[in-house]
Amino acid sequence: MDRRTFLRTGGTAAVGLTITGCMPRGLRTAPAPARHPVNLVPVDVSWDRVIRTTVGLRPHRDSGFVVRADRLDEKTLIHNYGHGGAGMSLGWGTGYLATELALAQPERRAAVIGCGMVGLTAARQLQRHGFDVTIYAKALPPERYPIVDIPLEHGLFHMLYDIRHIPQIPSIGAWGGPGGNTSERRDSQVPHVRGILDENGRIMVLMTHNTDFGDAFEREGEDHQYFLAFAPDGYAFGVNAIIYSMTH
């Protein structure tokens, strides 16, 4: 059974459950037999079992993020920090705010210090507004670890689902309905899957451009037509990415 048939069948089953819930009492079906309890081993969780912490500790400000411009000798220093755990959500917006501050200066060369989510989104916003951008990173210097396009022949696209094209998934807010345009801007017609590879060719950082896989996962309950149009391709890529990360 292919994934589209599976999704449609699952949807039909859900509708069936809803309909039976509205039937008259005399027509209700017999309850399903009780399942046997599953005996699971209790999880031993305690602080003394923590070996090390490698993720989860992020700079945070109770007052919120900071986007502010200061003069540093002959240069303009733009602060963009304090996002806490919301860099994925806020990065594009604060990157735009930082770009507006940079546009007020005559210089069109910019250096971005740090290439996390906030740094990368700020750098991309600056590029879109005509800046020549250099990223300075301690962990993954770009001259050694460049961002490259991942070809469709790569194993990432064939882990479980056989993906033969990179789908363009618009955000649900930008989608125009069935048959509508999937490109959100005039310069976003071509979707990309890109990555940073290690010395053995394995993907360390995976990124997508001009396609919103996140909404394919998150918005399926808001618009059924959007779900039918984009969720199967979005889930196929997401499942492949998870399996790749767990096996490489």
Protein backbone atom coordinates (compact mmCIF):
# COMPACT_ATOMS: atom_id res chain seq x y z
CA MET A 1 0.00 0.00 0.00
CA ASP A 2 1.46 3.40 -0.94
CA ARG A 3 1.46 6.26 1.54
CA ARG A 4 -1.30 8.23 -0.19
CA THR A 5 -3.65 5.23 -0.04
CA PHE A 6 -2.70 4.68 3.58
CA LEU A 7 -3.45 8.31 4.51
CA ARG A 8 -6.79 8.27 2.71
CA THR A 9 -7.74 4.95 4.35
CA GLY A 10 -6.76 6.25 7.76
CA GLY A 11 -8.84 9.37 7.18
CA THR A 12 -11.87 7.25 6.24
CA ALA A 13 -11.46 5.21 9.40
CA ALA A 14 -11.45 8.39 11.49
CA VAL A 15 -14.65 9.58 9.80
CA GLY A 16 -16.24 6.20 10.55
CA LEU A 17 -15.47 6.57 14.22
CA THR A 18 -17.08 9.99 14.24
CA ILE A 19 -20.24 8.72 12.54
CA THR A 20 -20.71 5.80 14.93
CA GLY A 21 -20.42 8.22 17.83
CA CYS A 22 -23.50 10.07 16.52
CA MET A 23 -25.67 6.92 15.96
CA PRO A 24 -28.81 6.31 18.05
CA ARG A 25 -28.24 4.29 21.17
CA GLY A 26 -30.03 1.27 19.85
CA LEU A 27 -27.68 1.03 16.86
CA ARG A 28 -24.35 1.30 18.68
CA THR A 29 -21.87 -1.44 18.00
CA ALA A 30 -20.48 -3.72 20.72
CA PRO A 31 -17.41 -2.37 22.56
CA ALA A 32 -14.04 -3.70 21.53
CA PRO A 33 -12.63 -6.45 23.74
CA ALA A 34 -10.36 -5.23 26.52
CA ARG A 35 -6.67 -5.41 25.79
CA HIS A 36 -4.29 -7.22 28.08
CA PRO A 37 -2.11 -4.85 30.13
CA VAL A 38 1.42 -4.33 28.91
CA ASN A 39 4.12 -4.80 31.50
CA LEU A 40 6.87 -2.26 30.96
CA VAL A 41 10.10 -2.00 32.87
CA PRO A 42 10.05 1.18 35.02
CA VAL A 43 12.46 3.84 33.81
CA ASP A 44 15.20 4.66 36.29
CA VAL A 45 15.48 8.45 35.98
CA SER A 46 17.66 10.43 38.35
CA TRP A 47 20.18 13.28 38.13
CA ASP A 48 23.10 11.03 39.14
CA ARG A 49 22.53 8.98 35.97
CA VAL A 50 23.12 11.99 33.67
CA ILE A 51 26.46 11.47 31.93
CA ARG A 52 26.67 14.86 30.25
CA THR A 53 24.50 17.61 28.78
CA THR A 54 25.10 18.36 25.12
CA VAL A 55 21.91 20.19 24.09
CA GLY A 56 19.17 22.20 25.66
CA LEU A 57 21.12 24.94 27.46
CA ARG A 58 20.57 28.14 25.50
CA PRO A 59 21.07 31.82 26.35
CA HIS A 60 17.81 33.25 27.59
CA ARG A 61 16.60 36.66 28.73
CA ASP A 62 13.44 37.01 30.79
CA SER A 63 12.83 40.34 29.05
CA GLY A 64 13.01 38.76 25.57
CA PHE A 65 15.41 38.96 22.65
CA VAL A 66 17.57 41.98 21.83
CA VAL A 67 17.97 43.53 18.37
CA ARG A 68 19.92 46.79 18.72
CA ALA A 69 22.56 48.74 16.79
CA ASP A 70 25.67 50.27 18.40
CA ARG A 71 28.68 52.08 16.96
CA LEU A 72 32.04 50.35 17.34
CA ASP A 73 34.72 52.74 16.08
CA GLU A 74 34.01 53.06 12.35
CA LYS A 75 31.69 50.07 12.19
CA THR A 76 28.11 49.33 13.18
CA LEU A 77 27.58 46.46 15.61
CA ILE A 78 24.08 44.98 15.51
CA HIS A 79 23.10 42.76 18.44
CA ASN A 80 20.69 39.90 17.75
CA TYR A 81 20.50 37.51 20.72
CA GLY A 82 18.45 36.28 23.66
CA HIS A 83 16.02 34.04 21.74
CA GLY A 84 16.26 31.19 24.24
CA GLY A 85 14.64 28.10 22.73
CA ALA A 86 12.70 30.08 20.12
CA GLY A 87 15.45 30.73 17.57
CA MET A 88 13.77 28.48 15.00
CA SER A 89 10.53 30.46 15.29
CA LEU A 90 11.90 33.98 15.75
CA GLY A 91 15.08 33.86 13.65
CA TRP A 92 13.57 35.04 10.36
CA GLY A 93 11.75 37.91 12.04
CA THR A 94 14.66 39.14 14.14
CA GLY A 95 16.94 38.66 11.14
CA TYR A 96 14.69 41.04 9.23
CA LEU A 97 14.79 43.55 12.09
CA ALA A 98 18.58 43.37 12.12
CA THR A 99 18.63 43.86 8.34
CA GLU A 100 16.50 46.99 8.65
CA LEU A 101 19.07 48.42 11.07
CA ALA A 102 21.87 47.50 8.67
CA LEU A 103 20.08 49.15 5.74
CA ALA A 104 20.23 52.45 7.61
CA GLN A 105 24.02 52.38 7.15
CA PRO A 106 25.79 53.11 3.84
CA GLU A 107 28.00 49.99 4.01
CA ARG A 108 26.78 46.89 2.14
CA ARG A 109 29.29 44.39 3.54
CA ALA A 110 28.32 42.46 6.65
CA ALA A 111 29.97 39.95 8.97
CA VAL A 112 27.76 37.55 10.93
CA ILE A 113 29.38 36.03 14.00
CA GLY A 114 27.93 32.58 14.68
CA CYS A 115 26.06 30.28 12.32
CA GLY A 116 23.29 28.87 14.44
CA MET A 117 19.68 29.29 13.38
CA VAL A 118 19.61 33.00 14.30
CA GLY A 119 22.92 33.72 12.54
CA LEU A 120 22.00 31.83 9.38
CA THR A 121 18.58 33.44 9.03
CA ALA A 122 20.06 36.90 9.62
CA ALA A 123 22.73 36.22 7.00
CA ARG A 124 20.12 35.12 4.48
CA GLN A 125 17.97 38.18 5.12
CA LEU A 126 21.01 40.41 4.57
CA GLN A 127 21.82 38.61 1.31
CA ARG A 128 18.27 39.14 0.07
CA HIS A 129 18.77 42.86 0.57
CA GLY A 130 21.99 43.00 -1.42
CA PHE A 131 24.63 42.61 1.28
CA ASP A 132 27.93 40.81 0.76
CA VAL A 133 27.87 38.52 3.81
CA THR A 134 30.69 36.62 5.52
CA ILE A 135 29.84 34.16 8.32
CA TYR A 136 32.39 33.59 11.07
CA ALA A 137 31.87 30.27 12.83
CA LYS A 138 33.98 28.48 15.43
CA ALA A 139 32.56 24.97 15.05
CA LEU A 140 32.03 24.67 11.29
CA PRO A 141 34.19 27.20 9.42
CA PRO A 142 32.64 27.66 5.95
CA GLU A 143 35.91 27.31 4.06
CA ARG A 144 36.20 23.76 5.42
CA TYR A 145 32.51 22.87 5.69
CA PRO A 146 30.64 24.59 2.84
CA ILE A 147 26.89 24.37 2.33
CA VAL A 148 26.19 22.11 -0.66
CA ASP A 149 23.08 20.98 -2.52
CA ILE A 150 22.11 17.37 -1.72
CA PRO A 151 21.48 15.52 -5.03
CA LEU A 152 18.43 13.31 -5.45
CA GLU A 153 20.74 10.31 -5.83
CA HIS A 154 21.83 10.71 -2.20
CA GLY A 155 20.71 8.02 0.24
CA LEU A 156 18.76 10.62 2.23
CA PHE A 157 16.05 10.55 -0.43
CA HIS A 158 15.78 6.75 -0.49
CA MET A 159 15.94 5.59 3.15
CA LEU A 160 12.34 4.35 3.37
CA TYR A 161 10.43 6.40 0.81
CA ASP A 162 11.74 6.80 -2.72
CA ILE A 163 11.72 10.58 -3.27
CA ARG A 164 12.27 11.47 -6.92
CA HIS A 165 11.78 15.24 -6.73
CA ILE A 166 12.11 17.97 -4.12
CA PRO A 167 8.56 19.10 -3.36
CA GLN A 168 7.75 22.76 -2.86
CA ILE A 169 5.49 23.06 0.15
CA PRO A 170 4.16 26.57 0.82
CA SER A 171 3.28 27.73 4.29
CA ILE A 172 -0.41 27.26 4.92
CA GLY A 173 -0.85 31.03 5.20
CA ALA A 174 0.65 31.62 1.74
CA TRP A 175 -1.13 28.76 -0.02
CA GLY A 176 -3.84 29.83 -2.44
CA GLY A 177 -5.90 26.65 -2.27
CA PRO A 178 -6.05 23.69 -4.70
CA GLY A 179 -4.24 24.62 -7.90
CA GLY A 180 -2.73 27.66 -6.22
CA ASN A 181 0.85 28.83 -6.50
CA THR A 182 3.36 27.09 -4.23
CA SER A 183 6.07 29.76 -4.52
CA GLU A 184 5.69 32.40 -1.83
CA ARG A 185 7.84 35.06 -3.52
CA ARG A 186 9.10 35.93 -6.96
CA ASP A 187 12.58 34.65 -6.06
CA SER A 188 11.49 31.37 -4.44
CA GLN A 189 10.34 29.24 -7.35
CA VAL A 190 13.03 26.55 -6.95
CA PRO A 191 13.13 24.46 -3.74
CA HIS A 192 16.45 23.17 -2.43
CA VAL A 193 17.68 20.60 0.07
CA ARG A 194 21.16 21.50 1.27
CA GLY A 195 23.56 20.29 3.87
CA ILE A 196 26.96 20.47 5.52
CA LEU A 197 28.95 17.24 5.24
CA ASP A 198 31.68 15.78 7.41
CA GLU A 199 34.98 14.38 6.16
CA ASN A 200 33.27 11.07 5.29
CA GLY A 201 30.48 12.66 3.28
CA ARG A 202 27.81 12.21 5.95
CA ILE A 203 25.26 14.98 6.46
CA MET A 204 25.88 16.84 9.72
CA VAL A 205 23.53 19.78 9.10
CA LEU A 206 20.41 19.42 6.94
CA MET A 207 18.51 22.45 5.70
CA THR A 208 15.77 23.20 3.19
CA HIS A 209 15.15 26.38 1.21
CA ASN A 210 12.03 27.63 -0.57
CA THR A 211 9.93 24.78 0.84
CA ASP A 212 8.14 24.66 4.20
CA PHE A 213 8.32 21.06 5.37
CA GLY A 214 7.39 22.18 8.87
CA ASP A 215 3.85 23.10 7.88
CA ALA A 216 3.41 19.71 6.21
CA PHE A 217 3.86 18.18 9.67
CA GLU A 218 2.17 20.82 11.83
CA ARG A 219 -0.89 22.02 9.91
CA GLU A 220 -2.56 18.82 8.82
CA GLY A 221 -5.55 19.40 11.09
CA GLU A 222 -6.28 22.94 9.86
CA ASP A 223 -7.09 22.39 6.20
CA HIS A 224 -7.93 18.95 4.76
CA GLN A 225 -7.11 19.97 1.20
CA TYR A 226 -3.71 21.28 2.32
CA PHE A 227 -3.13 17.97 4.09
CA LEU A 228 -3.96 15.93 0.98
CA ALA A 229 -1.79 18.13 -1.23
CA PHE A 230 1.37 18.38 0.86
CA ALA A 231 1.44 16.10 3.91
CA PRO A 232 2.36 12.85 2.10
CA ASP A 233 5.47 14.39 0.51
CA GLY A 234 6.33 16.24 3.71
CA TYR A 235 6.06 13.17 5.90
CA ALA A 236 8.08 11.09 3.41
CA PHE A 237 10.97 13.56 3.60
CA GLY A 238 10.70 13.89 7.38
CA VAL A 239 10.71 10.12 7.95
CA ASN A 240 13.68 9.69 5.61
CA ALA A 241 15.58 12.44 7.43
CA ILE A 242 14.96 10.83 10.82
CA ILE A 243 16.05 7.39 9.64
CA TYR A 244 19.16 8.86 8.01
CA SER A 245 20.12 10.69 11.20
CA MET A 246 19.67 7.51 13.26
CA THR A 247 21.70 5.29 10.91
CA HIS A 248 24.56 7.58 9.91
